[in-house]
Protein backbone atom coordinates (compact mmCIF):
# COMPACT_ATOMS: atom_id res chain seq x y z
CA MET A 1 -26.99 -64.80 35.58
CA MET A 2 -24.52 -63.78 32.84
CA PRO A 3 -25.53 -61.24 30.16
CA PRO A 4 -25.77 -62.66 26.67
CA ARG A 5 -22.50 -62.59 24.76
CA LEU A 6 -22.21 -61.07 21.32
CA PRO A 7 -21.14 -63.36 18.53
CA PRO A 8 -17.41 -63.03 17.76
CA ASP A 9 -18.03 -61.53 14.30
CA ALA A 10 -20.17 -58.63 15.57
CA PRO A 11 -18.73 -55.21 14.72
CA PRO A 12 -17.51 -53.15 17.67
CA GLU A 13 -19.61 -50.26 18.85
CA PRO A 14 -18.64 -46.96 17.22
CA PRO A 15 -17.13 -44.35 19.51
CA PRO A 16 -19.47 -41.63 20.68
CA ILE A 17 -19.59 -38.49 18.55
CA ILE A 18 -18.51 -35.44 20.55
CA LEU A 19 -19.63 -32.14 19.08
CA PRO A 20 -17.64 -29.01 19.91
CA ASP A 21 -19.32 -26.27 21.89
CA ILE A 22 -20.20 -23.65 19.28
CA GLU A 23 -22.50 -21.48 21.36
CA PRO A 24 -20.97 -18.69 23.41
CA ASP A 25 -21.01 -19.29 27.12
CA SER A 26 -23.54 -17.42 29.18
CA PRO A 27 -22.42 -15.25 32.11
CA LEU A 28 -25.10 -17.08 34.07
CA ASP A 29 -23.26 -20.38 33.57
CA PRO A 30 -21.36 -21.29 36.78
CA ASN A 31 -18.38 -22.42 34.67
CA TYR A 32 -18.34 -19.20 32.60
CA ASP A 33 -14.83 -17.97 31.81
CA PRO A 34 -14.86 -14.51 30.14
CA ASP A 35 -11.27 -14.97 28.97
CA GLU A 36 -12.15 -18.15 27.08
CA ASP A 37 -14.13 -16.34 24.37
CA SER A 38 -11.96 -13.21 24.24
CA PRO A 39 -9.56 -12.79 21.32
CA ARG A 40 -6.07 -14.04 21.97
CA MET A 41 -3.24 -11.57 22.37
CA PRO A 42 -0.53 -11.80 19.71
CA PRO A 43 2.78 -13.15 20.95
CA PRO A 44 5.29 -10.52 22.07
CA THR A 45 7.66 -9.37 19.38
CA PRO A 46 11.27 -10.43 19.92
CA ASP A 47 14.00 -7.87 20.44
CA GLN A 48 15.26 -6.23 17.30
CA PRO A 49 17.84 -8.66 15.83
CA TRP A 50 19.47 -6.05 13.60
CA ARG A 51 21.35 -2.83 14.23
CA ASP A 52 19.78 0.50 13.48
CA PRO A 53 21.00 2.02 10.22
CA PRO A 54 23.35 5.00 10.51
CA PRO A 55 21.69 8.40 10.45
CA ALA A 56 21.05 9.85 7.02
CA ALA A 57 24.11 11.45 5.49
CA THR A 58 24.15 15.22 5.64
CA HIS A 59 24.75 17.40 2.64
CA THR A 60 28.52 17.79 2.33
CA GLY A 61 28.54 20.43 -0.42
CA PRO A 62 28.49 24.15 0.19
CA SER A 63 25.52 25.29 2.18
CA LEU A 64 22.92 27.20 0.24
CA LYS A 65 22.82 29.81 2.99
CA LYS A 66 26.49 30.62 2.44
CA LEU A 67 26.13 31.05 -1.32
CA LYS A 68 25.68 34.62 -2.41
CA ILE A 69 24.33 35.35 -5.80
CA THR A 70 26.47 38.10 -7.26
CA GLU A 71 25.62 40.22 -10.22
CA THR A 72 27.33 39.15 -13.36
CA ASP A 73 28.44 41.44 -16.06
CA GLY A 74 25.31 41.46 -18.11
CA PRO A 75 23.72 43.92 -20.43
CA LYS A 76 23.65 47.43 -18.99
């Protein structure tokens, strides 16, 4: 015996609603994956695409250690 046929103008059945799993998995669950709930590692940083800047310029004037303060002809 054939099952009854739906009339041609009947709306199609809606697809099933699938809810995401929002509860954390239990370690007692046989399909438990501890890495699934762990935070993701950030992607590795690429190699530095620029050159390092030159070292800071050194003082080219006379060194303060070499300067001697001499007495000037002042009031005596």
